[in-house]
């Protein structure tokens, strides 16, 4: 009896189309067919998070300043991000991914690699799996996605970008056909080629992936260095040996706010920080892990950035603990100049450990459990009735201590 040969390696890269904007258009029929920009308001400092395809025809793209987007398309609808709603939809989408394979590597809230090599015996070849997955996502969420099907991760991502929106691109699995497919593409389609590297290639008259395939290795090394030359040459020949990484959850959870005008009022800064910590705490609870540290970030009006962090006495996800640490870090900062941006995040995320021994002065287990249950109840109320349905009282204003040493860094420090 002869054993069946192992299935050939097949990877999918799934990328939701203009995800945030698409969710808004799905849930608000009056926005459909109109340019929608999700991000900072049109008249404020800040950037575009996502633009609908109608907005993209005006040259609007992610990371563009919102004021520039408004200048290019005055009739665009500007909406603030609604992350809790987007995260709920993302969970639906990833549940669909997991039906087809346990090997799912989430790159972001709306993008993932899937290794479906072992799934072909159940669901058919890679293209058929991709079509079924796209149909499921559309039927269950009302959203479209673009999928690349290929023998490795780099090529799968290349495929998902090739025919957006609502695209499906199957790259050649035959080596000679694959090299022919890659040859006319610009060098910027190679991972790791940004503006600076592209300019270096331009000076060397290397414009396409075919040029990289044909170039002597010594020439590539002189342009981008030995390590990058080997990496980019391998990609130019369609080679990528990376496997799916299954544990890519966020190492930190953070939120930032950029002010419309540079802010000097400690009261305003304190209130903004409180709201940021609220959102970080909610996301931490949804994640299920505990934070071992917290970090405050301040960017001054001259763009110098100051960060300060501190460990929690114990791993935690209690909002009360996060607010106390954030307030303490902010209270120690001297406002030598106005603030452009303020942010807070938690670090060192760990899984809950039921065997952890309590500190002598720790809260009893039943009290901590009661507080966590209260936090989760607030999350459920806000999920149903909106983020402003219930608010916590702000306590212990962060007035700086009068006797704080003058030598404490007030700006331009990074700890």
Protein backbone atom coordinates (compact mmCIF):
# COMPACT_ATOMS: atom_id res chain seq x y z
CA UNK A 1 0.00 0.00 0.00
CA UNK A 2 1.44 3.35 -1.01
CA UNK A 3 1.00 6.34 1.25
CA UNK A 4 -0.59 9.48 -0.17
CA UNK A 5 1.86 12.32 -0.83
CA UNK A 6 1.54 15.23 1.60
CA UNK A 7 -0.64 18.06 0.33
CA UNK A 8 1.29 20.90 -1.24
CA UNK A 9 1.74 23.96 0.92
CA UNK A 10 -1.08 26.44 0.41
CA UNK A 11 -1.36 29.75 2.22
CA UNK A 12 -4.14 32.32 2.14
CA UNK A 13 -3.81 35.97 3.00
CA UNK A 14 -7.19 37.51 3.82
CA UNK A 15 -7.52 41.28 3.97
CA UNK A 16 -10.85 42.94 4.70
CA UNK A 17 -11.70 45.75 2.29
CA UNK A 18 -11.58 49.24 3.88
CA UNK A 19 -12.69 47.52 7.08
CA UNK A 20 -13.67 50.36 9.43
CA UNK A 21 -15.35 52.35 6.66
CA UNK A 22 -17.09 49.23 5.34
CA UNK A 23 -18.57 48.49 8.77
CA UNK A 24 -19.87 52.06 8.97
CA UNK A 25 -21.41 51.83 5.49
CA UNK A 26 -22.97 48.46 6.33
CA UNK A 27 -24.57 49.78 9.51
CA UNK A 28 -25.57 53.17 8.04
CA UNK A 29 -27.21 52.73 4.63
CA UNK A 30 -27.14 56.49 4.08
CA UNK A 31 -23.32 56.31 3.87
CA UNK A 32 -23.26 53.70 1.10
CA UNK A 33 -21.79 54.90 -2.16
CA UNK A 34 -20.45 58.03 -0.49
CA UNK A 35 -16.86 58.90 0.54
CA UNK A 36 -16.40 57.91 4.18
CA UNK A 37 -13.30 58.69 6.23
CA UNK A 38 -12.78 57.06 9.63
CA UNK A 39 -10.27 58.84 11.85
CA UNK A 40 -9.69 62.29 13.26
CA UNK A 41 -12.29 65.00 12.48
CA UNK A 42 -11.81 67.02 9.31
CA UNK A 43 -10.81 70.21 11.15
CA UNK A 44 -8.51 68.68 13.77
CA UNK A 45 -4.98 67.41 14.00
CA UNK A 46 -4.84 63.70 13.49
CA UNK A 47 -4.86 61.20 10.66
CA UNK A 48 -7.10 58.98 8.58
CA UNK A 49 -7.45 55.43 9.90
CA UNK A 50 -9.41 54.05 6.95
CA UNK A 51 -11.06 55.54 3.88
CA UNK A 52 -13.84 53.96 1.83
CA UNK A 53 -13.10 53.20 -1.80
CA UNK A 54 -15.28 56.15 -2.79
CA UNK A 55 -12.95 58.39 -0.76
CA UNK A 56 -9.84 56.75 -2.18
CA UNK A 57 -10.71 58.00 -5.65
CA UNK A 58 -9.80 61.46 -4.30
CA UNK A 59 -6.34 60.23 -3.27
CA UNK A 60 -7.25 59.80 0.39
CA UNK A 61 -5.39 57.02 2.21
CA UNK A 62 -4.64 55.83 5.72
CA UNK A 63 -2.16 57.92 7.76
CA UNK A 64 -2.98 61.02 5.70
CA UNK A 65 -3.69 64.10 7.86
CA UNK A 66 -7.45 64.53 8.19
CA UNK A 67 -7.22 68.18 7.20
CA UNK A 68 -5.57 67.18 3.92
CA UNK A 69 -8.28 64.54 3.35
CA UNK A 70 -10.96 67.20 3.89
CA UNK A 71 -9.20 69.52 1.45
CA UNK A 72 -9.15 66.82 -1.22
CA UNK A 73 -12.76 65.78 -0.66
CA UNK A 74 -14.84 68.45 1.12
CA UNK A 75 -18.00 66.34 0.81
CA UNK A 76 -16.49 63.36 2.63
CA UNK A 77 -18.22 62.03 5.75
CA UNK A 78 -15.77 61.99 8.68
CA UNK A 79 -16.50 59.50 11.47
CA UNK A 80 -14.62 58.69 14.70
CA UNK A 81 -13.43 55.08 15.06
CA UNK A 82 -15.81 52.78 16.95
CA UNK A 83 -13.31 50.16 18.09
CA UNK A 84 -15.67 48.05 20.25
CA UNK A 85 -17.94 47.54 17.24
CA UNK A 86 -15.04 46.79 14.89
CA UNK A 87 -13.62 44.28 17.38
CA UNK A 88 -16.97 42.46 17.56
CA UNK A 89 -17.10 42.16 13.78
CA UNK A 90 -13.46 41.04 13.72
CA UNK A 91 -14.27 38.24 16.17
CA UNK A 92 -17.00 37.02 13.79
CA UNK A 93 -14.57 37.04 10.88
CA UNK A 94 -11.83 35.16 12.73
CA UNK A 95 -14.39 32.56 13.82
CA UNK A 96 -15.03 31.92 10.12
CA UNK A 97 -11.29 31.58 9.49
CA UNK A 98 -11.02 28.99 12.24
CA UNK A 99 -13.64 26.80 10.56
CA UNK A 100 -11.25 26.11 7.72
CA UNK A 101 -7.95 25.70 9.59
CA UNK A 102 -6.52 25.96 13.11
CA UNK A 103 -3.43 27.62 11.61
CA UNK A 104 -4.49 31.27 11.63
CA UNK A 105 -2.01 34.11 12.15
CA UNK A 106 -3.82 37.34 12.87
CA UNK A 107 -1.80 40.34 11.71
CA UNK A 108 -4.35 42.94 12.77
CA UNK A 109 -8.05 43.32 13.47
CA UNK A 110 -8.87 42.85 9.76
CA UNK A 111 -6.03 40.80 8.26
CA UNK A 112 -4.69 37.26 8.66
CA UNK A 113 -2.60 34.49 7.15
CA UNK A 114 -4.10 31.00 6.97
CA UNK A 115 -2.21 27.77 6.29
CA UNK A 116 -4.81 25.55 4.59
CA UNK A 117 -2.37 22.87 3.42
CA UNK A 118 -3.97 20.20 5.58
CA UNK A 119 -7.51 21.43 4.98
CA UNK A 120 -7.59 20.55 1.28
CA UNK A 121 -8.74 16.99 1.90
CA UNK A 122 -11.83 18.37 3.68
CA UNK A 123 -12.62 21.50 1.69
CA UNK A 124 -10.91 21.12 -1.67
CA UNK A 125 -7.98 23.04 -3.19
CA UNK A 126 -6.87 26.45 -2.00
CA UNK A 127 -8.90 28.43 -4.52
CA UNK A 128 -12.09 26.60 -3.52
CA UNK A 129 -11.38 27.24 0.17
CA UNK A 130 -10.84 30.93 -0.58
CA UNK A 131 -14.14 31.18 -2.46
CA UNK A 132 -16.05 29.46 0.35
CA UNK A 133 -14.41 31.68 2.96
CA UNK A 134 -15.24 34.86 1.02
CA UNK A 135 -18.85 33.73 0.63
CA UNK A 136 -19.15 32.98 4.36
CA UNK A 137 -17.72 36.36 5.34
CA UNK A 138 -20.12 38.17 2.99
CA UNK A 139 -23.18 36.16 4.07
CA UNK A 140 -22.53 36.46 7.80
CA UNK A 141 -21.10 39.96 8.10
CA UNK A 142 -22.20 41.74 4.94
CA UNK A 143 -18.56 42.66 4.22
CA UNK A 144 -16.16 41.81 1.42
CA UNK A 145 -12.56 40.71 1.65
CA UNK A 146 -9.71 40.15 -0.77
CA UNK A 147 -7.80 36.87 -0.70
CA UNK A 148 -4.47 35.77 -2.10
CA UNK A 149 -3.76 32.04 -2.60
CA UNK A 150 -0.12 31.03 -2.93
CA UNK A 151 2.60 28.57 -1.86
CA UNK A 152 3.99 30.90 0.84
CA UNK A 153 3.11 33.91 2.97
CA UNK A 154 4.85 36.59 0.93
CA UNK A 155 3.15 35.52 -2.28
CA UNK A 156 -0.25 35.15 -0.59
CA UNK A 157 -0.08 38.74 0.66
CA UNK A 158 1.00 39.87 -2.78
CA UNK A 159 -2.09 38.14 -4.17
CA UNK A 160 -4.54 39.76 -1.76
CA UNK A 161 -3.24 43.21 -2.75
CA UNK A 162 -3.36 42.45 -6.47
CA UNK A 163 -7.08 42.84 -7.17
CA UNK A 164 -8.85 44.82 -4.43
CA UNK A 165 -11.62 45.21 -3.44
CA UNK A 166 -13.45 41.87 -3.27
CA UNK A 167 -10.63 40.18 -5.13
CA UNK A 168 -9.39 36.62 -5.36
CA UNK A 169 -5.95 36.04 -6.87
CA UNK A 170 -4.33 32.62 -7.18
CA UNK A 171 -0.62 32.95 -7.83
CA UNK A 172 1.14 30.36 -10.01
CA UNK A 173 2.46 27.34 -8.15
CA UNK A 174 4.69 26.39 -11.10
CA UNK A 175 8.14 27.96 -10.60
CA UNK A 176 8.67 29.26 -14.11
CA UNK A 177 5.16 30.69 -14.34
CA UNK A 178 5.63 32.31 -10.93
CA UNK A 179 8.86 34.02 -11.95
CA UNK A 180 7.14 35.34 -15.04
CA UNK A 181 4.29 36.69 -12.93
CA UNK A 182 6.70 38.50 -10.62
CA UNK A 183 9.03 39.98 -13.25
CA UNK A 184 7.01 43.09 -14.30
CA UNK A 185 5.97 44.08 -10.79
CA UNK A 186 7.66 47.15 -9.25
CA UNK A 187 10.32 46.59 -6.62
CA UNK A 188 8.03 48.22 -4.04
CA UNK A 189 5.94 45.02 -4.05
CA UNK A 190 8.79 43.29 -2.21
CA UNK A 191 8.50 43.29 1.57
CA UNK A 192 11.03 45.65 3.07
CA UNK A 193 11.26 48.03 0.12
CA UNK A 194 10.10 51.43 1.32
CA UNK A 195 10.80 54.88 -0.02
CA UNK A 196 14.48 54.99 0.92
CA UNK A 197 15.26 51.53 -0.47
CA UNK A 198 13.27 52.30 -3.64
CA UNK A 199 15.34 55.44 -4.17
CA UNK A 200 18.52 53.42 -3.76
CA UNK A 201 17.26 50.93 -6.35
CA UNK A 202 16.29 53.79 -8.66
CA UNK A 203 19.87 55.09 -8.54
CA UNK A 204 21.06 51.59 -9.47
CA UNK A 205 18.43 51.44 -12.27
CA UNK A 206 16.64 48.51 -10.65
CA UNK A 207 12.96 49.21 -11.10
CA UNK A 208 11.14 45.87 -11.29
CA UNK A 209 11.27 42.53 -9.54
CA UNK A 210 12.68 41.16 -12.79
CA UNK A 211 15.57 43.60 -12.46
CA UNK A 212 16.28 42.18 -8.99
CA UNK A 213 16.14 38.63 -10.37
CA UNK A 214 18.70 39.52 -13.05
CA UNK A 215 21.04 41.65 -10.95
CA UNK A 216 24.34 40.15 -9.71
CA UNK A 217 24.29 39.55 -5.97
CA UNK A 218 27.33 41.82 -5.58
CA UNK A 219 25.38 44.73 -7.08
CA UNK A 220 22.46 44.17 -4.72
CA UNK A 221 24.83 44.01 -1.77
CA UNK A 222 26.39 47.32 -2.77
CA UNK A 223 22.93 48.92 -2.88
CA UNK A 224 21.22 47.53 0.24
CA UNK A 225 23.88 45.60 2.16
CA UNK A 226 24.54 41.84 2.39
CA UNK A 227 21.64 40.85 4.66
CA UNK A 228 18.96 42.83 2.83
CA UNK A 229 20.35 41.76 -0.53
CA UNK A 230 19.92 38.06 0.31
CA UNK A 231 16.43 38.67 1.73
CA UNK A 232 15.15 40.71 -1.23
CA UNK A 233 16.72 38.40 -3.80
CA UNK A 234 14.91 35.42 -2.24
CA UNK A 235 11.59 37.27 -2.36
CA UNK A 236 12.22 38.27 -5.99
CA UNK A 237 12.42 34.56 -6.81
CA UNK A 238 9.20 33.90 -4.84
CA UNK A 239 10.93 32.23 -1.90
CA UNK A 240 9.68 32.63 1.67
CA UNK A 241 10.19 29.90 4.29
CA UNK A 242 8.24 31.50 7.14
CA UNK A 243 5.58 29.43 8.87
CA UNK A 244 2.34 30.51 10.51
CA UNK A 245 2.91 32.01 13.96
CA UNK A 246 0.01 31.08 16.21
CA UNK A 247 0.64 33.31 19.25
CA UNK A 248 0.79 36.85 17.96
CA UNK A 249 -1.48 38.59 20.41
CA UNK A 250 -0.59 42.12 21.31
CA UNK A 251 2.36 42.46 23.69
CA UNK A 252 0.95 45.81 24.83
CA UNK A 253 -2.44 47.53 24.75
CA UNK A 254 -2.44 51.31 24.49
CA UNK A 255 -4.41 54.39 23.47
CA UNK A 256 -3.29 57.91 22.57
CA UNK A 257 -5.01 61.25 22.00
CA UNK A 258 -3.67 64.15 19.94
CA UNK A 259 -5.13 67.51 20.92
CA UNK A 260 -6.60 69.91 18.39
CA UNK A 261 -4.62 72.70 20.10
CA UNK A 262 -1.61 72.19 22.36
CA UNK A 263 -2.97 71.72 25.88
CA UNK A 264 -1.56 73.12 29.14
CA UNK A 265 -4.51 72.59 31.51
CA UNK A 266 -3.80 69.78 33.95
CA UNK A 267 -7.53 69.32 34.46
CA UNK A 268 -8.14 68.74 30.76
CA UNK A 269 -5.14 66.43 30.51
CA UNK A 270 -6.26 64.48 33.55
CA UNK A 271 -9.77 64.06 32.13
CA UNK A 272 -8.41 62.89 28.77
CA UNK A 273 -6.06 60.43 30.46
CA UNK A 274 -8.95 59.03 32.50
CA UNK A 275 -10.90 58.27 29.31
CA UNK A 276 -7.86 56.68 27.65
CA UNK A 277 -7.30 54.41 30.64
CA UNK A 278 -10.99 53.43 30.57
CA UNK A 279 -10.61 52.19 27.01
CA UNK A 280 -7.30 50.39 27.70
CA UNK A 281 -8.91 48.64 30.67
CA UNK A 282 -11.87 47.53 28.56
CA UNK A 283 -9.59 46.11 25.88
CA UNK A 284 -7.47 44.39 28.52
CA UNK A 285 -10.53 42.69 29.98
CA UNK A 286 -11.64 41.58 26.52
CA UNK A 287 -8.14 40.18 25.91
CA UNK A 288 -8.35 38.04 29.07
CA UNK A 289 -4.77 38.52 30.22
CA UNK A 290 -3.29 40.53 33.09
CA UNK A 291 -0.93 43.49 32.84
CA UNK A 292 2.28 43.62 34.86
CA UNK A 293 3.11 47.26 34.07
CA UNK A 294 1.73 50.55 32.83
CA UNK A 295 3.25 53.33 30.72
CA UNK A 296 2.41 57.01 30.35
CA UNK A 297 3.40 58.87 27.19
CA UNK A 298 3.57 62.64 26.73
CA UNK A 299 4.52 64.43 23.52
CA UNK A 300 5.27 68.10 24.03
CA UNK A 301 4.44 70.85 21.56
CA UNK A 302 8.02 70.78 20.25
CA UNK A 303 7.50 67.05 19.42
CA UNK A 304 9.90 65.75 22.08
CA UNK A 305 8.43 62.67 23.71
CA UNK A 306 8.56 61.69 27.36
CA UNK A 307 7.57 58.24 28.63
CA UNK A 308 7.50 56.88 32.14
CA UNK A 309 6.47 53.42 33.26
CA UNK A 310 6.00 51.50 36.46
CA UNK A 311 5.17 47.95 37.47
CA UNK A 312 1.91 47.05 39.18
CA UNK A 313 2.24 45.49 42.66
CA UNK A 314 0.61 42.41 41.13
CA UNK A 315 -0.57 41.41 37.64
CA UNK A 316 -3.98 42.99 37.15
CA UNK A 317 -6.80 43.93 34.82
CA UNK A 318 -8.79 45.95 37.33
CA UNK A 319 -9.58 49.39 35.96
CA UNK A 320 -9.10 50.83 39.44
CA UNK A 321 -5.48 49.64 39.41
CA UNK A 322 -4.84 51.10 35.96
CA UNK A 323 -6.37 54.45 36.88
CA UNK A 324 -4.34 54.64 40.10
CA UNK A 325 -1.05 53.94 38.33
CA UNK A 326 -1.79 56.35 35.45
CA UNK A 327 -2.78 59.08 37.89
CA UNK A 328 0.39 58.55 39.91
CA UNK A 329 2.63 58.73 36.83
CA UNK A 330 0.89 61.87 35.56
CA UNK A 331 0.94 63.57 38.95
CA UNK A 332 4.75 63.46 38.97
CA UNK A 333 5.14 65.24 35.63
CA UNK A 334 5.95 68.94 35.61
CA UNK A 335 4.16 70.73 32.77
CA UNK A 336 7.03 72.86 31.53
CA UNK A 337 5.28 73.39 28.20
CA UNK A 338 2.04 72.54 26.43
CA UNK A 339 1.17 68.97 25.49
CA UNK A 340 0.47 67.82 21.95
CA UNK A 341 -0.32 64.16 22.70
CA UNK A 342 -1.04 62.06 25.77
CA UNK A 343 -1.24 58.27 25.90
CA UNK A 344 -1.42 55.32 28.27
CA UNK A 345 -0.74 51.64 27.79
CA UNK A 346 -0.26 48.41 29.69
CA UNK A 347 2.73 46.14 29.18
CA UNK A 348 4.01 42.70 30.11
CA UNK A 349 0.72 40.88 29.46
CA UNK A 350 0.54 37.47 31.12
CA UNK A 351 -2.03 34.72 31.45
CA UNK A 352 -3.97 34.57 34.75
CA UNK A 353 -2.34 32.30 37.31
CA UNK A 354 -4.80 30.92 39.83
CA UNK A 355 -1.98 29.63 42.04
CA UNK A 356 -0.45 33.07 42.66
CA UNK A 357 0.15 33.75 46.34
CA UNK A 358 -1.43 36.99 47.52
CA UNK A 359 0.66 39.78 48.99
CA UNK A 360 0.11 40.60 52.65
CA UNK A 361 -1.72 43.84 51.79
CA UNK A 362 -3.48 42.56 48.67
CA UNK A 363 -7.25 42.76 48.39
CA UNK A 364 -9.04 39.53 49.34
CA UNK A 365 -9.81 37.31 46.36
CA UNK A 366 -13.56 37.78 46.71
CA UNK A 367 -13.24 41.59 46.60
CA UNK A 368 -11.00 41.54 43.52
CA UNK A 369 -13.42 39.11 41.85
CA UNK A 370 -16.34 41.39 42.71
CA UNK A 371 -14.52 44.38 41.22
CA UNK A 372 -13.69 42.45 38.04
CA UNK A 373 -17.34 41.37 37.73
CA UNK A 374 -18.42 45.01 38.09
CA UNK A 375 -15.99 46.08 35.36
CA UNK A 376 -17.35 43.39 33.05
CA UNK A 377 -20.95 44.38 33.81
CA UNK A 378 -20.11 47.96 32.79
CA UNK A 379 -18.62 46.61 29.54
CA UNK A 380 -21.86 44.77 28.77
CA UNK A 381 -24.00 47.85 29.46
CA UNK A 382 -21.83 50.00 27.19
CA UNK A 383 -21.86 47.34 24.48
CA UNK A 384 -25.67 47.45 24.39
CA UNK A 385 -26.36 51.12 25.12
CA UNK A 386 -23.22 52.87 23.91
CA UNK A 387 -19.94 53.99 25.49
CA UNK A 388 -21.51 56.91 27.39
CA UNK A 389 -24.34 54.89 28.93
CA UNK A 390 -22.51 54.62 32.24
CA UNK A 391 -19.49 56.57 33.42
CA UNK A 392 -17.19 56.18 36.39
CA UNK A 393 -16.64 59.04 38.79
CA UNK A 394 -13.23 60.64 38.59
CA UNK A 395 -11.53 60.72 41.95
CA UNK A 396 -8.26 61.92 43.43
CA UNK A 397 -7.37 64.72 41.00
CA UNK A 398 -3.78 64.54 39.85
CA UNK A 399 -2.49 67.72 41.50
CA UNK A 400 1.30 67.51 41.63
CA UNK A 401 2.84 67.33 45.11
CA UNK A 402 4.23 70.64 46.34
CA UNK A 403 7.49 69.15 47.57
CA UNK A 404 8.42 67.17 44.49
CA UNK A 405 12.17 67.45 43.82
CA UNK A 406 12.97 70.02 41.16
CA UNK A 407 15.32 67.60 39.45
CA UNK A 408 12.50 65.28 38.34
CA UNK A 409 12.46 65.25 34.53
CA UNK A 410 9.74 67.43 33.14
CA UNK A 411 10.29 66.98 29.41
CA UNK A 412 12.44 65.41 26.76
CA UNK A 413 13.21 62.29 28.83
CA UNK A 414 12.65 58.70 27.89
CA UNK A 415 12.68 56.14 30.71
